[in-house]
Every structure is written in C-alpha cells, then in structure tokens.
N, C-alpha and C. Protein backbone atom coordinates (compact mmCIF):
# COMPACT_ATOMS: atom_id res chain seq x y z
N UNK A 1 0.48 -1.21 0.17
CA UNK A 1 0.23 -0.20 0.12
C UNK A 1 0.70 1.11 0.06
N UNK A 2 0.64 2.30 -0.71
CA UNK A 2 1.16 3.47 -0.79
C UNK A 2 0.38 4.73 -1.15
N UNK A 3 0.62 5.73 -0.57
CA UNK A 3 -0.03 7.06 -0.80
C UNK A 3 0.78 8.15 -0.88
N UNK A 4 0.32 9.15 -1.37
CA UNK A 4 1.18 10.26 -1.73
C UNK A 4 0.62 11.43 -0.84
N UNK A 5 1.30 12.27 -0.10
CA UNK A 5 0.47 13.39 0.80
C UNK A 5 1.45 14.58 0.32
N UNK A 6 0.73 16.00 0.05
CA UNK A 6 1.19 16.75 -0.59
C UNK A 6 0.99 17.80 0.70
N UNK A 7 2.60 18.41 1.15
CA UNK A 7 2.60 19.35 2.09
C UNK A 7 3.03 20.46 1.59
N UNK A 8 2.14 21.70 1.82
CA UNK A 8 2.34 22.95 1.26
C UNK A 8 2.51 24.03 2.38
N UNK A 9 3.03 25.10 2.23
CA UNK A 9 3.41 26.26 3.10
C UNK A 9 2.19 27.21 2.43
N UNK A 10 1.62 27.00 1.42
CA UNK A 10 0.70 27.64 0.67
C UNK A 10 1.11 29.25 0.27
N UNK A 11 0.46 30.26 0.63
CA UNK A 11 1.01 31.59 0.33
C UNK A 11 1.57 32.20 1.89
N UNK A 12 1.85 31.42 2.61
CA UNK A 12 2.37 32.32 3.65
C UNK A 12 3.73 32.66 4.09
N UNK A 13 3.91 33.18 5.08
CA UNK A 13 5.32 33.66 5.28
C UNK A 13 6.60 33.11 5.15
N UNK A 14 7.65 33.19 5.28
CA UNK A 14 8.81 32.39 5.19
C UNK A 14 8.76 31.51 6.45
N UNK A 15 8.15 31.92 7.54
CA UNK A 15 8.27 30.85 8.49
C UNK A 15 7.82 29.70 8.26
N UNK A 16 6.52 29.86 7.29
CA UNK A 16 5.62 28.78 7.05
C UNK A 16 6.69 27.79 6.29
N UNK A 17 7.32 28.23 5.52
CA UNK A 17 8.04 27.11 4.72
C UNK A 17 9.15 26.67 5.93
N UNK A 18 9.67 27.32 6.52
CA UNK A 18 10.67 26.82 7.70
C UNK A 18 10.00 25.80 8.60
N UNK A 19 8.47 25.92 9.01
CA UNK A 19 7.62 25.06 9.95
C UNK A 19 7.68 23.92 8.63
N UNK A 20 7.10 24.21 7.60
CA UNK A 20 7.07 22.54 6.90
C UNK A 20 8.15 21.98 6.79
N UNK A 21 9.36 22.05 7.13
CA UNK A 21 10.69 21.46 6.88
C UNK A 21 10.55 20.47 8.38
N UNK A 22 10.19 21.32 9.32
CA UNK A 22 9.87 20.80 10.65
C UNK A 22 9.08 19.57 10.45
N UNK A 23 8.05 20.07 10.17
CA UNK A 23 6.64 19.14 10.26
C UNK A 23 7.36 17.81 9.52
N UNK A 24 7.66 18.05 8.23
CA UNK A 24 8.15 16.96 7.81
C UNK A 24 9.16 16.00 8.44
N UNK A 25 9.95 16.40 9.05
CA UNK A 25 10.82 15.66 9.76
C UNK A 25 10.15 14.83 10.79
N UNK A 26 9.43 15.78 11.68
CA UNK A 26 8.20 15.01 12.58
C UNK A 26 7.54 13.53 11.95
N UNK A 27 6.94 14.04 10.64
CA UNK A 27 6.21 13.23 9.86
C UNK A 27 6.91 11.91 9.88
N UNK A 28 7.90 12.18 9.05
CA UNK A 28 8.62 10.96 8.64
C UNK A 28 9.24 10.24 9.95
N UNK A 29 9.44 10.83 11.04
CA UNK A 29 9.85 10.15 12.20
C UNK A 29 9.00 9.18 12.63
N UNK A 30 7.60 9.99 12.57
CA UNK A 30 6.36 9.13 13.23
C UNK A 30 5.99 7.77 11.94
N UNK A 31 6.36 7.93 11.20
CA UNK A 31 6.41 6.87 10.27
C UNK A 31 7.12 6.05 10.60
N UNK A 32 8.83 6.32 10.67
CA UNK A 32 9.64 5.14 10.79
C UNK A 32 9.01 4.55 12.24
N UNK A 33 8.56 4.88 12.95
CA UNK A 33 8.27 4.60 14.25
C UNK A 33 6.99 3.16 14.11
N UNK A 34 6.29 3.54 13.04
CA UNK A 34 5.11 2.70 12.56
C UNK A 34 5.42 1.61 11.44
N UNK A 35 6.80 1.80 11.35
CA UNK A 35 7.44 0.57 10.33
C UNK A 35 6.63 0.93 8.94
N UNK A 36 7.10 2.06 8.63
CA UNK A 36 6.30 2.82 7.36
C UNK A 36 7.61 3.49 6.57
N UNK A 37 7.61 3.29 5.48
CA UNK A 37 8.78 4.06 4.40
C UNK A 37 8.25 5.24 3.91
N UNK A 38 9.24 6.26 3.71
CA UNK A 38 8.74 7.52 3.52
C UNK A 38 9.71 7.66 2.31
N UNK A 39 9.36 8.34 1.28
CA UNK A 39 10.42 9.31 -0.01
C UNK A 39 9.82 10.20 -0.15
N UNK A 40 10.78 11.22 -0.47
CA UNK A 40 10.35 12.66 -0.78
C UNK A 40 10.09 12.76 -2.34
N UNK A 41 9.07 12.49 -2.95
CA UNK A 41 9.12 12.17 -4.38
C UNK A 41 9.21 13.60 -5.22
N UNK A 42 8.73 14.74 -4.40
CA UNK A 42 9.26 16.05 -5.03
C UNK A 42 9.29 17.10 -4.01
N UNK A 43 10.09 17.89 -4.14
CA UNK A 43 10.32 19.07 -3.20
C UNK A 43 10.46 20.64 -4.03
N UNK A 44 10.01 21.49 -3.38
CA UNK A 44 10.06 22.68 -3.87
C UNK A 44 10.66 23.83 -2.70
N UNK A 45 11.99 24.26 -2.82
CA UNK A 45 12.74 24.58 -1.67
C UNK A 45 12.18 25.97 -1.25
N UNK A 46 12.37 26.70 -0.11
CA UNK A 46 11.93 27.59 0.19
C UNK A 46 13.44 28.83 -0.22
N UNK A 47 12.94 29.99 0.21
CA UNK A 47 13.98 31.16 -0.01
C UNK A 47 15.28 31.08 0.99
N UNK A 48 14.91 30.49 1.83
CA UNK A 48 15.87 30.31 3.21
C UNK A 48 16.45 28.84 2.95
N UNK A 49 17.77 28.55 3.69
CA UNK A 49 18.11 27.33 3.49
C UNK A 49 17.51 26.31 4.59
N UNK A 50 17.25 25.10 4.23
CA UNK A 50 16.43 24.20 5.09
C UNK A 50 14.70 24.13 5.20
N UNK A 51 14.25 24.84 4.30
CA UNK A 51 13.08 25.61 4.38
C UNK A 51 12.39 24.97 2.82
N UNK A 52 11.26 24.92 2.96
CA UNK A 52 10.34 23.96 1.48
C UNK A 52 9.18 24.95 1.60
N UNK A 53 8.53 25.15 0.20
CA UNK A 53 7.25 25.60 -0.10
C UNK A 53 6.56 24.72 -0.01
N UNK A 54 6.75 23.29 -0.61
CA UNK A 54 6.22 22.34 -0.73
C UNK A 54 6.75 21.02 -1.13
N UNK A 55 6.05 19.99 -0.32
CA UNK A 55 6.77 18.45 -0.62
C UNK A 55 5.82 17.70 -0.74
N UNK A 56 5.98 16.82 -1.86
CA UNK A 56 5.07 15.50 -2.04
C UNK A 56 5.71 14.46 -1.60
N UNK A 57 5.13 13.77 -0.41
CA UNK A 57 6.12 12.48 -0.11
C UNK A 57 5.14 11.39 -0.02
N UNK A 58 5.56 10.36 -0.50
CA UNK A 58 5.49 8.86 -0.67
C UNK A 58 5.50 8.14 0.74
N UNK A 59 4.15 7.66 1.12
CA UNK A 59 4.35 6.58 2.29
C UNK A 59 3.99 5.23 1.94
N UNK A 60 4.81 4.40 2.15
CA UNK A 60 4.55 2.87 1.77
C UNK A 60 4.37 2.21 2.99
N UNK A 61 3.64 0.88 2.94
CA UNK A 61 3.64 -0.11 4.12
C UNK A 61 2.12 -0.30 4.58
N UNK A 62 2.29 -1.15 5.13
CA UNK A 62 0.83 -1.52 5.99
C UNK A 62 0.34 -0.24 6.63
N UNK A 63 -0.98 0.27 6.41
CA UNK A 63 -1.54 1.04 7.31
C UNK A 63 -0.92 2.61 6.63
N UNK A 64 -0.30 2.49 5.59
CA UNK A 64 0.05 4.07 5.07
C UNK A 64 -1.09 4.79 4.97
N UNK A 65 -2.48 4.51 4.37
CA UNK A 65 -3.65 5.19 4.40
C UNK A 65 -3.86 5.94 5.74
N UNK A 66 -4.41 4.91 6.33
CA UNK A 66 -4.50 5.39 7.89
C UNK A 66 -3.57 6.74 8.54
N UNK A 67 -2.20 6.19 8.45
CA UNK A 67 -1.24 7.07 8.85
C UNK A 67 -1.51 8.36 8.15
N UNK A 68 -1.42 8.60 6.50
CA UNK A 68 -1.74 9.59 5.93
C UNK A 68 -3.05 10.45 6.48
N UNK A 69 -4.15 9.76 7.01
CA UNK A 69 -5.32 10.32 7.27
C UNK A 69 -4.85 11.06 8.58
N UNK A 70 -4.11 10.62 9.39
CA UNK A 70 -3.63 11.22 10.60
C UNK A 70 -2.93 12.38 10.13
N UNK A 71 -2.54 12.84 9.40
CA UNK A 71 -1.90 13.69 8.92
C UNK A 71 -2.38 14.72 7.81
N UNK A 72 -3.58 14.54 7.80
CA UNK A 72 -4.18 15.19 6.60
C UNK A 72 -5.08 16.05 7.37
N UNK A 73 -4.86 17.69 6.69
CA UNK A 73 -5.58 18.84 7.12
C UNK A 73 -4.63 20.12 7.44
N UNK A 74 -4.94 20.68 8.25
CA UNK A 74 -3.81 21.94 8.79
C UNK A 74 -3.18 21.35 9.79
N UNK A 75 -1.89 21.66 9.66
CA UNK A 75 -0.83 21.42 10.71
C UNK A 75 -0.22 22.63 11.15
N UNK A 76 0.21 22.36 12.63
CA UNK A 76 0.69 24.11 13.00
C UNK A 76 2.13 23.40 13.69
N UNK A 77 2.68 24.53 13.28
CA UNK A 77 4.15 24.19 14.00
C UNK A 77 4.21 25.56 14.96
N UNK A 78 4.08 24.95 16.20
CA UNK A 78 4.27 26.38 17.29
C UNK A 78 5.71 26.66 17.85
N UNK A 79 6.13 27.36 17.40
CA UNK A 79 7.39 28.00 18.08
C UNK A 79 7.79 29.45 17.29
N UNK A 80 8.65 30.19 18.42
CA UNK A 80 8.85 31.51 18.00
C UNK A 80 9.31 31.73 16.56
N UNK A 81 9.47 32.77 15.75
CA UNK A 81 10.01 32.79 14.56
C UNK A 81 11.53 32.93 14.63
N UNK A 82 12.08 32.32 13.76
CA UNK A 82 13.51 32.25 13.47
C UNK A 82 14.05 33.39 12.86
N UNK A 83 13.35 33.97 12.43
CA UNK A 83 13.70 35.28 11.32
C UNK A 83 13.47 36.66 11.69
N UNK A 84 12.12 36.55 12.91
CA UNK A 84 11.85 37.81 13.21
C UNK A 84 11.78 37.75 14.68
N UNK A 85 12.52 38.25 15.29
CA UNK A 85 12.81 38.01 17.07
C UNK A 85 11.48 39.15 17.69
N UNK A 86 11.36 40.06 17.00
CA UNK A 86 10.04 40.89 17.67
C UNK A 86 9.04 40.71 17.28
N UNK A 87 8.29 39.45 16.62
CA UNK A 87 6.96 39.40 16.28
C UNK A 87 6.61 38.55 17.48
N UNK A 88 5.28 38.37 17.91
CA UNK A 88 4.88 37.42 19.15
C UNK A 88 4.15 36.18 18.53
N UNK A 89 4.03 35.99 17.44
CA UNK A 89 3.32 35.19 16.68
C UNK A 89 4.09 33.86 16.73
N UNK A 90 3.50 32.85 17.30
CA UNK A 90 4.08 31.73 17.46
C UNK A 90 3.61 30.42 16.62
N UNK A 91 2.32 30.48 15.91
CA UNK A 91 1.79 29.37 15.21
C UNK A 91 2.01 29.83 13.69
N UNK A 92 2.45 28.71 13.03
CA UNK A 92 3.10 28.55 11.62
C UNK A 92 2.31 27.46 10.99
N UNK A 93 1.40 27.69 9.90
CA UNK A 93 0.44 26.65 9.63
C UNK A 93 0.82 26.23 7.93
N UNK A 94 0.81 24.94 8.17
CA UNK A 94 1.21 24.18 6.65
C UNK A 94 -0.29 22.96 6.41
N UNK A 95 -0.50 22.97 5.20
CA UNK A 95 -1.45 22.26 4.75
C UNK A 95 -1.01 20.89 4.19
N UNK A 96 -1.84 19.59 4.77
CA UNK A 96 -1.20 18.46 3.97
C UNK A 96 -2.74 17.70 3.64
N UNK A 97 -2.53 17.49 2.11
CA UNK A 97 -3.48 16.69 1.56
C UNK A 97 -3.12 15.64 0.64
N UNK A 98 -3.84 14.48 0.51
CA UNK A 98 -3.37 13.35 -0.16
C UNK A 98 -3.46 13.78 -1.66
N UNK A 99 -2.70 13.28 -2.37
CA UNK A 99 -2.59 13.94 -3.83
C UNK A 99 -2.23 12.66 -4.66
N UNK A 100 -3.17 12.19 -5.82
CA UNK A 100 -2.88 11.50 -6.64
C UNK A 100 -1.67 12.33 -7.71
N UNK A 101 -0.63 11.08 -8.17
CA UNK A 101 0.42 11.98 -8.71
C UNK A 101 0.30 11.28 -10.12
N UNK A 102 -0.53 10.41 -10.75
CA UNK A 102 -0.45 9.92 -12.12
C UNK A 102 -1.74 9.19 -12.37
N UNK A 103 -2.24 9.15 -13.42
CA UNK A 103 -3.50 8.81 -13.93
C UNK A 103 -3.05 7.37 -14.77
N UNK A 104 -3.69 6.22 -14.78
CA UNK A 104 -3.51 5.06 -15.60
C UNK A 104 -3.70 5.41 -16.99
N UNK A 105 -2.89 5.02 -17.67
CA UNK A 105 -2.94 5.28 -19.25
C UNK A 105 -3.94 4.05 -19.85
N UNK A 106 -4.73 4.45 -20.77
CA UNK A 106 -5.34 3.36 -21.26
C UNK A 106 -4.77 2.72 -22.36
N UNK A 107 -4.69 1.45 -22.34
CA UNK A 107 -4.04 0.64 -23.64
C UNK A 107 -4.91 0.25 -24.32
N UNK A 108 -4.55 0.60 -25.76
CA UNK A 108 -5.50 0.49 -26.87
C UNK A 108 -5.28 -1.06 -27.51
N UNK A 109 -6.22 -1.52 -27.78
CA UNK A 109 -6.09 -2.98 -28.49
C UNK A 109 -7.13 -3.19 -29.57
N UNK A 110 -6.73 -3.23 -30.57
CA UNK A 110 -7.94 -3.45 -31.77
C UNK A 110 -8.91 -4.52 -31.34
N UNK A 111 -8.40 -5.76 -30.40
CA UNK A 111 -9.31 -6.63 -30.00
C UNK A 111 -10.34 -5.74 -29.10
N UNK A 112 -10.07 -4.95 -28.60
CA UNK A 112 -11.23 -4.35 -27.67
C UNK A 112 -12.43 -3.39 -28.62
N UNK A 113 -12.03 -3.43 -29.82
CA UNK A 113 -13.23 -2.53 -30.54
C UNK A 113 -14.13 -3.65 -31.30
N UNK A 114 -15.47 -3.24 -31.17
CA UNK A 114 -16.14 -3.94 -32.14
C UNK A 114 -16.72 -2.89 -33.52
N UNK A 115 -16.38 -3.58 -34.45
CA UNK A 115 -16.88 -2.86 -36.14
C UNK A 115 -18.10 -3.20 -36.70
N UNK A 116 -18.97 -2.51 -36.83
CA UNK A 116 -20.38 -2.94 -37.62
C UNK A 116 -20.09 -2.26 -38.80
N UNK A 117 -20.44 -2.58 -39.83
CA UNK A 117 -20.78 -2.09 -41.20
C UNK A 117 -22.25 -1.49 -41.24
N UNK A 118 -22.25 -0.30 -41.58
CA UNK A 118 -23.63 0.56 -41.87
C UNK A 118 -23.73 1.22 -42.93
N UNK A 119 -24.81 1.70 -43.41
CA UNK A 119 -25.02 2.51 -44.12
C UNK A 119 -25.44 3.94 -43.52
N UNK A 120 -25.18 5.08 -44.17
CA UNK A 120 -25.52 6.59 -43.81
C UNK A 120 -26.08 7.11 -45.07
N UNK A 121 -26.82 8.13 -44.33
CA UNK A 121 -27.74 8.89 -45.66
C UNK A 121 -26.85 10.22 -46.23
N UNK A 122 -27.32 11.06 -46.82
CA UNK A 122 -26.65 12.00 -47.13
C UNK A 122 -26.12 11.96 -48.55
N UNK A 123 -25.35 12.97 -49.26
CA UNK A 123 -24.95 13.18 -50.59
C UNK A 123 -23.89 12.09 -50.75
N UNK A 124 -23.53 11.27 -52.14
CA UNK A 124 -22.67 10.81 -52.04
C UNK A 124 -22.98 9.53 -53.36
N UNK A 125 -23.98 9.61 -53.83
CA UNK A 125 -24.20 8.93 -55.06
C UNK A 125 -24.89 7.37 -54.53
N UNK A 126 -25.45 6.70 -55.44
CA UNK A 126 -26.06 5.46 -55.28
C UNK A 126 -25.06 4.45 -54.38
N UNK A 127 -24.00 4.18 -55.08
CA UNK A 127 -22.74 3.35 -53.96
C UNK A 127 -23.09 3.80 -52.59
N UNK A 128 -22.62 4.68 -52.17
CA UNK A 128 -22.69 5.25 -50.86
C UNK A 128 -24.17 4.83 -50.03
N UNK A 129 -25.16 4.89 -50.64
CA UNK A 129 -26.43 5.01 -49.91
C UNK A 129 -26.96 3.51 -49.90
N UNK A 130 -26.27 2.45 -50.75
CA UNK A 130 -26.80 1.41 -51.04
C UNK A 130 -26.06 0.26 -50.37
N UNK A 131 -24.77 0.53 -50.39
CA UNK A 131 -23.70 -0.38 -49.86
C UNK A 131 -23.38 0.16 -48.23
N UNK A 132 -23.12 -1.03 -47.58
CA UNK A 132 -22.56 -0.89 -46.01
C UNK A 132 -21.22 -0.72 -46.30
N UNK A 133 -20.78 0.78 -46.73
CA UNK A 133 -19.33 1.05 -46.72
C UNK A 133 -19.11 1.72 -45.29
N UNK A 134 -19.87 2.14 -44.45
CA UNK A 134 -19.66 3.16 -43.42
C UNK A 134 -19.11 2.32 -42.23
N UNK A 135 -18.42 2.91 -41.24
CA UNK A 135 -17.65 1.89 -40.13
C UNK A 135 -18.59 2.87 -38.90
N UNK A 136 -18.86 1.64 -38.02
CA UNK A 136 -19.40 2.11 -36.37
C UNK A 136 -18.57 1.67 -35.81
N UNK A 137 -17.57 2.28 -35.11
CA UNK A 137 -16.44 1.71 -34.25
C UNK A 137 -16.90 1.85 -32.73
N UNK A 138 -16.85 1.06 -31.81
CA UNK A 138 -17.10 1.13 -30.34
C UNK A 138 -15.89 0.61 -29.63
N UNK A 139 -15.23 1.26 -28.62
CA UNK A 139 -13.91 0.94 -27.88
C UNK A 139 -14.99 0.61 -26.85
N UNK A 140 -14.85 -1.01 -26.35
CA UNK A 140 -15.53 -1.56 -25.19
C UNK A 140 -15.22 -0.85 -23.89
N UNK A 141 -13.93 -1.20 -23.50
CA UNK A 141 -13.44 -0.59 -22.37
C UNK A 141 -13.57 0.88 -22.11
N UNK A 142 -13.41 1.98 -22.93
CA UNK A 142 -14.22 3.30 -22.64
C UNK A 142 -15.55 3.76 -23.13
N UNK A 143 -16.06 2.85 -23.77
CA UNK A 143 -17.53 3.23 -24.41
C UNK A 143 -17.31 4.52 -25.69
N UNK A 144 -16.10 4.44 -26.15
CA UNK A 144 -16.02 5.87 -26.98
C UNK A 144 -16.59 4.97 -28.40
N UNK A 145 -17.65 5.69 -29.43
CA UNK A 145 -17.84 5.38 -30.40
C UNK A 145 -17.63 6.57 -31.51
N UNK A 146 -17.36 5.96 -32.41
CA UNK A 146 -16.90 6.93 -34.02
C UNK A 146 -17.76 6.20 -34.91
N UNK A 147 -18.29 6.96 -35.95
CA UNK A 147 -18.86 6.72 -37.00
C UNK A 147 -18.02 7.38 -38.39
N UNK A 148 -17.65 6.41 -39.27
CA UNK A 148 -16.94 6.95 -40.35
C UNK A 148 -17.29 6.61 -41.78
N UNK A 149 -17.60 7.51 -42.58
CA UNK A 149 -18.20 7.46 -43.90
C UNK A 149 -17.50 8.06 -44.70
N UNK A 150 -16.53 8.69 -44.57
CA UNK A 150 -15.65 9.68 -45.63
C UNK A 150 -15.36 8.95 -46.94
N UNK A 151 -15.00 7.80 -46.70
CA UNK A 151 -14.39 6.89 -48.05
C UNK A 151 -15.60 6.35 -48.50
N UNK A 152 -15.53 5.54 -49.73
CA UNK A 152 -16.21 4.63 -50.35
C UNK A 152 -15.89 3.30 -50.18
N UNK A 153 -14.69 2.85 -49.74
CA UNK A 153 -14.17 1.39 -49.38
C UNK A 153 -14.40 1.05 -47.71
N UNK A 154 -15.03 0.26 -47.42
CA UNK A 154 -15.09 -0.07 -45.74
C UNK A 154 -13.70 -0.25 -45.54
N UNK A 155 -12.53 -0.90 -46.07
CA UNK A 155 -11.61 -1.00 -45.53
C UNK A 155 -10.97 0.32 -45.07
N UNK A 156 -10.82 1.20 -45.79
CA UNK A 156 -9.99 2.42 -45.64
C UNK A 156 -10.85 3.13 -44.40
N UNK A 157 -12.43 3.11 -44.26
CA UNK A 157 -13.06 3.89 -43.18
C UNK A 157 -12.95 3.05 -41.90
N UNK A 158 -12.94 1.93 -41.89
CA UNK A 158 -12.40 1.28 -40.68
C UNK A 158 -11.02 1.32 -40.35
N UNK A 159 -10.00 1.72 -41.32
CA UNK A 159 -8.76 2.19 -41.08
C UNK A 159 -8.99 3.77 -39.90
N UNK A 160 -9.64 4.55 -40.79
CA UNK A 160 -9.71 5.99 -40.27
C UNK A 160 -10.49 5.77 -38.58
N UNK A 161 -11.30 4.89 -38.65
CA UNK A 161 -12.18 4.82 -37.19
C UNK A 161 -10.91 4.29 -36.36
N UNK A 162 -10.38 3.35 -36.63
CA UNK A 162 -9.20 2.94 -35.65
C UNK A 162 -8.29 4.18 -35.03
N UNK A 163 -7.96 4.75 -36.23
CA UNK A 163 -7.04 6.08 -35.93
C UNK A 163 -7.81 7.08 -34.93
N UNK A 164 -8.72 7.23 -35.23
CA UNK A 164 -9.61 8.45 -34.63
C UNK A 164 -9.90 7.79 -32.86
N UNK A 165 -10.35 6.56 -33.00
CA UNK A 165 -10.29 6.14 -31.38
C UNK A 165 -9.28 6.21 -30.75
N UNK A 166 -7.85 5.62 -31.13
CA UNK A 166 -6.70 5.93 -30.64
C UNK A 166 -6.68 7.37 -30.18
N UNK A 167 -6.93 8.29 -31.19
CA UNK A 167 -6.48 9.66 -30.78
C UNK A 167 -7.52 10.10 -29.75
N UNK A 168 -8.77 9.70 -29.80
CA UNK A 168 -9.68 10.20 -28.73
C UNK A 168 -9.38 9.64 -27.28
N UNK A 169 -8.94 8.44 -27.11
CA UNK A 169 -8.44 7.90 -25.86
C UNK A 169 -7.19 8.43 -25.52
N UNK A 170 -6.05 8.73 -26.22
CA UNK A 170 -4.99 9.30 -25.88
C UNK A 170 -5.42 11.08 -25.31
N UNK A 171 -6.27 11.80 -26.21
CA UNK A 171 -6.86 12.92 -25.77
C UNK A 171 -7.41 12.83 -24.24
N UNK A 172 -8.28 11.86 -23.98
CA UNK A 172 -8.98 11.54 -22.77
C UNK A 172 -7.81 11.38 -21.55
N UNK A 173 -6.92 10.73 -22.10
CA UNK A 173 -5.65 10.32 -20.87
C UNK A 173 -5.16 11.76 -20.57
N UNK A 174 -4.95 12.54 -21.53
CA UNK A 174 -4.31 13.40 -21.38
C UNK A 174 -4.98 14.39 -20.36
N UNK A 175 -6.48 14.64 -20.59
CA UNK A 175 -7.01 15.45 -20.27
C UNK A 175 -7.29 15.18 -18.38
N UNK A 176 -7.44 13.62 -18.20
CA UNK A 176 -7.21 13.26 -16.98
C UNK A 176 -6.00 13.56 -16.33
N UNK A 177 -5.16 13.80 -17.03
CA UNK A 177 -3.72 13.91 -16.38
C UNK A 177 -3.77 15.18 -16.16
N UNK A 178 -4.25 16.28 -16.93
CA UNK A 178 -4.19 17.86 -16.62
C UNK A 178 -5.20 18.14 -15.29
N UNK A 179 -6.04 17.15 -15.25
CA UNK A 179 -7.12 17.51 -14.19
C UNK A 179 -6.57 17.05 -12.91
N UNK A 180 -5.35 16.01 -12.72
CA UNK A 180 -4.63 15.75 -11.47
C UNK A 180 -4.16 16.60 -11.08
N UNK A 181 -2.74 16.90 -12.01
CA UNK A 181 -1.77 18.28 -11.85
C UNK A 181 -2.76 19.44 -11.28
N UNK A 182 -3.80 19.82 -11.86
CA UNK A 182 -4.69 21.09 -11.57
C UNK A 182 -5.13 20.82 -9.87
N UNK A 183 -5.50 19.68 -9.81
CA UNK A 183 -6.09 19.09 -8.08
C UNK A 183 -4.90 19.34 -7.25
N UNK A 184 -3.74 19.05 -7.56
CA UNK A 184 -2.65 19.07 -6.85
C UNK A 184 -2.32 20.85 -6.37
N UNK A 185 -2.26 21.45 -7.38
CA UNK A 185 -2.19 22.82 -7.57
C UNK A 185 -2.85 23.59 -6.75
N UNK A 186 -4.36 23.17 -6.61
CA UNK A 186 -5.16 23.71 -5.51
C UNK A 186 -4.99 23.69 -4.33
N UNK A 187 -4.05 22.53 -3.99
CA UNK A 187 -3.96 22.49 -2.56
C UNK A 187 -3.16 23.67 -2.04
N UNK A 188 -2.33 24.11 -2.76
CA UNK A 188 -1.55 25.44 -2.08
C UNK A 188 -2.38 26.66 -2.00
N UNK A 189 -3.48 26.73 -2.12
CA UNK A 189 -4.76 28.02 -2.08
C UNK A 189 -5.57 27.46 -0.85
N UNK A 190 -5.52 26.12 -0.49
CA UNK A 190 -6.71 25.55 0.36
C UNK A 190 -6.28 26.02 1.90
N UNK A 191 -5.04 26.50 1.92
CA UNK A 191 -4.76 26.34 3.67
C UNK A 191 -5.67 27.01 4.33
N UNK A 192 -6.23 26.95 5.72
CA UNK A 192 -7.01 27.60 6.27
C UNK A 192 -5.95 27.80 7.69
N UNK A 193 -5.79 28.72 7.94
CA UNK A 193 -5.16 29.26 9.35
C UNK A 193 -6.01 29.01 10.64
N UNK A 194 -5.61 28.03 11.35
CA UNK A 194 -6.41 27.96 12.70
C UNK A 194 -7.30 26.45 12.50
N UNK A 195 -7.46 26.12 13.54
CA UNK A 195 -8.31 24.88 13.64
C UNK A 195 -7.44 23.79 13.19
N UNK A 196 -6.16 23.53 13.81
CA UNK A 196 -5.02 22.52 12.70
C UNK A 196 -5.53 21.37 13.54
N UNK A 197 -5.65 20.07 12.88
CA UNK A 197 -5.67 18.47 13.11
C UNK A 197 -4.39 18.42 13.72
N UNK A 198 -3.30 18.98 14.26
CA UNK A 198 -2.41 18.47 14.50
C UNK A 198 -1.25 19.88 15.13
N UNK A 199 -1.02 19.92 16.44
CA UNK A 199 -0.08 20.99 16.82
C UNK A 199 1.23 20.23 17.04
N UNK A 200 2.52 20.58 16.56
CA UNK A 200 3.61 19.99 16.77
C UNK A 200 4.55 21.29 17.29
N UNK A 201 5.37 20.76 18.32
CA UNK A 201 6.56 21.76 18.94
C UNK A 201 7.85 21.18 18.98
N UNK A 202 8.79 21.99 19.06
CA UNK A 202 10.11 21.47 18.89
C UNK A 202 10.20 20.60 20.27
N UNK A 203 11.07 19.75 20.19
CA UNK A 203 11.55 18.61 21.29
C UNK A 203 12.20 19.53 22.14
N UNK A 204 11.98 19.39 23.25
CA UNK A 204 12.87 20.18 24.48
C UNK A 204 14.03 19.51 24.63
N UNK A 205 15.15 19.85 24.88
CA UNK A 205 16.43 19.52 25.13
C UNK A 205 16.32 18.54 26.74
N UNK A 206 17.13 17.49 26.56
CA UNK A 206 17.01 16.66 27.96
C UNK A 206 17.12 17.39 29.06
N UNK A 207 18.28 18.44 29.07
CA UNK A 207 18.59 19.22 30.31
C UNK A 207 17.30 19.87 30.88
N UNK A 208 16.80 20.41 29.83
CA UNK A 208 15.78 21.33 30.37
C UNK A 208 14.49 20.20 30.60
N UNK A 209 14.41 19.31 30.42
CA UNK A 209 13.03 18.33 30.81
C UNK A 209 13.62 17.77 32.35
N UNK A 210 15.25 17.51 32.39
CA UNK A 210 15.47 16.94 33.67
C UNK A 210 15.32 18.22 34.73
N UNK A 211 15.49 19.53 34.47
CA UNK A 211 15.07 20.53 35.05
C UNK A 211 13.79 20.67 35.56
N UNK A 212 13.09 20.54 34.46
CA UNK A 212 11.45 20.47 34.82
C UNK A 212 10.99 19.31 35.54
N UNK A 213 11.48 18.56 35.37
CA UNK A 213 11.15 17.21 36.45
C UNK A 213 11.60 17.52 37.92
N UNK A 214 12.85 18.03 38.13
CA UNK A 214 13.65 18.33 39.57
C UNK A 214 12.38 19.45 40.31
N UNK A 215 12.06 20.42 39.34
CA UNK A 215 11.33 21.56 39.92
C UNK A 215 9.83 21.03 40.61
N UNK A 216 9.30 19.85 39.71
CA UNK A 216 7.75 19.19 39.75
C UNK A 216 8.14 18.50 41.21
N UNK A 217 9.64 17.75 41.74
CA UNK A 217 9.72 17.13 42.52
C UNK A 217 9.88 17.83 43.94
N UNK A 218 10.36 19.06 43.85
CA UNK A 218 10.30 20.13 44.96
C UNK A 218 9.23 20.08 45.96
N UNK A 219 9.40 20.01 47.23
CA UNK A 219 8.35 20.32 47.79
C UNK A 219 7.65 21.83 47.96
C-alpha cells in the first residue's frame, strides 16, 4: 500500500516554509516508528536554507492510508519565528492533503473494438447510399464510439475509425492527467490558518526536561 501526501506552505510567510521542513521531519520520524517507509518524491525549496514551500511525500507500508489520514488537514508548528525576533506570533500553518500523482494510461487494443458495417444517408451517390461501406466502431473499455463514412471503401473507413478511436483515447488520458495536476496545485490555495488537526512543537532538550522534573519534585 502506498499513498502520496502533499505538504504545502501555501502563500504564507517564510516561517511557514521553515515550519514545513520541521513538520516533515516529524512526520517521517512518526512514520518510521510505525514501520512505514517514506520517500520525498518532489520538493520545492523555500527562499532560506532548510525550508520548503511544498513537498510531495510517498508513504508506503501496511497502514499507510490510515497514517496519512492522521496527518491530513491543517498542521501547526508552534515555535517563535527564527527570522523575526520581535514578532509575538508562534503559530505557523501548513496544509497536508492526499494527492494523486498520476493517472492510468488506457491501453488501446484493436481486439477491444467492435466494428459494425452500416449505411449512412446524405450525398454521395447510389453506391454510398446502398452499400454498407460506413463503419461504426465502439471501444468497449471506454465506451467511445465513432462513425466514419468519408471513404467509399469499408477497409479505408475502418482504418480511419481505428485512428480516431486511438486519438480520442489519448486525448482523454491527457485531459485526466491535467485534471490531476490542477487538483494538486489547488492544494496550495486551500490552507486554512487556525483549527489545526495537529499541533507540533520543537522537542525540549534533555537537560531542560530534567530541570522541569526536578522542579516538580521539590516540596
């Protein structure tokens, strides 16, 4: 099982790109603890070192879909800005959404095409009106149908019909591919700041944790 998750800083400030890099590492660490594999399929770096505007990550293994669902939505990295010390803002938002990266290509086989000879009306003389030289071709897997009667010979019309079917199938695949790409790009504009499904923070150094523990134990 494999799923792709797109993380985007949207149109947020540079801190969001910084937060995305931290959230990405946290996600990868979380996945590793659950015996899942991750692969950064595509990255768009930010303006500063060690930052990302977006990352497409592939998550593989048993339970990959459930894991991705637990990271889907608005994510918040809660920490002071590393670039603007004067700002009081500490919440930096990133969006994560499952993303389809490709579409299956339709394999065109002539064996999948039903050919029927037929007659068509209109101009063309007695031969065209009386003889069944026109072709009705149906591609069964896709349901695409073409009718060709431009030539006076059945064999030529059949050849044209096959070419038209192949072209329409290829055009349909290209349209589906563009739709998938457009859906991924829309993720960048869907970031909602607030109501995060996860809030992550930097890990506290061990010495600070020990100091806090000692403070709690004092009478």
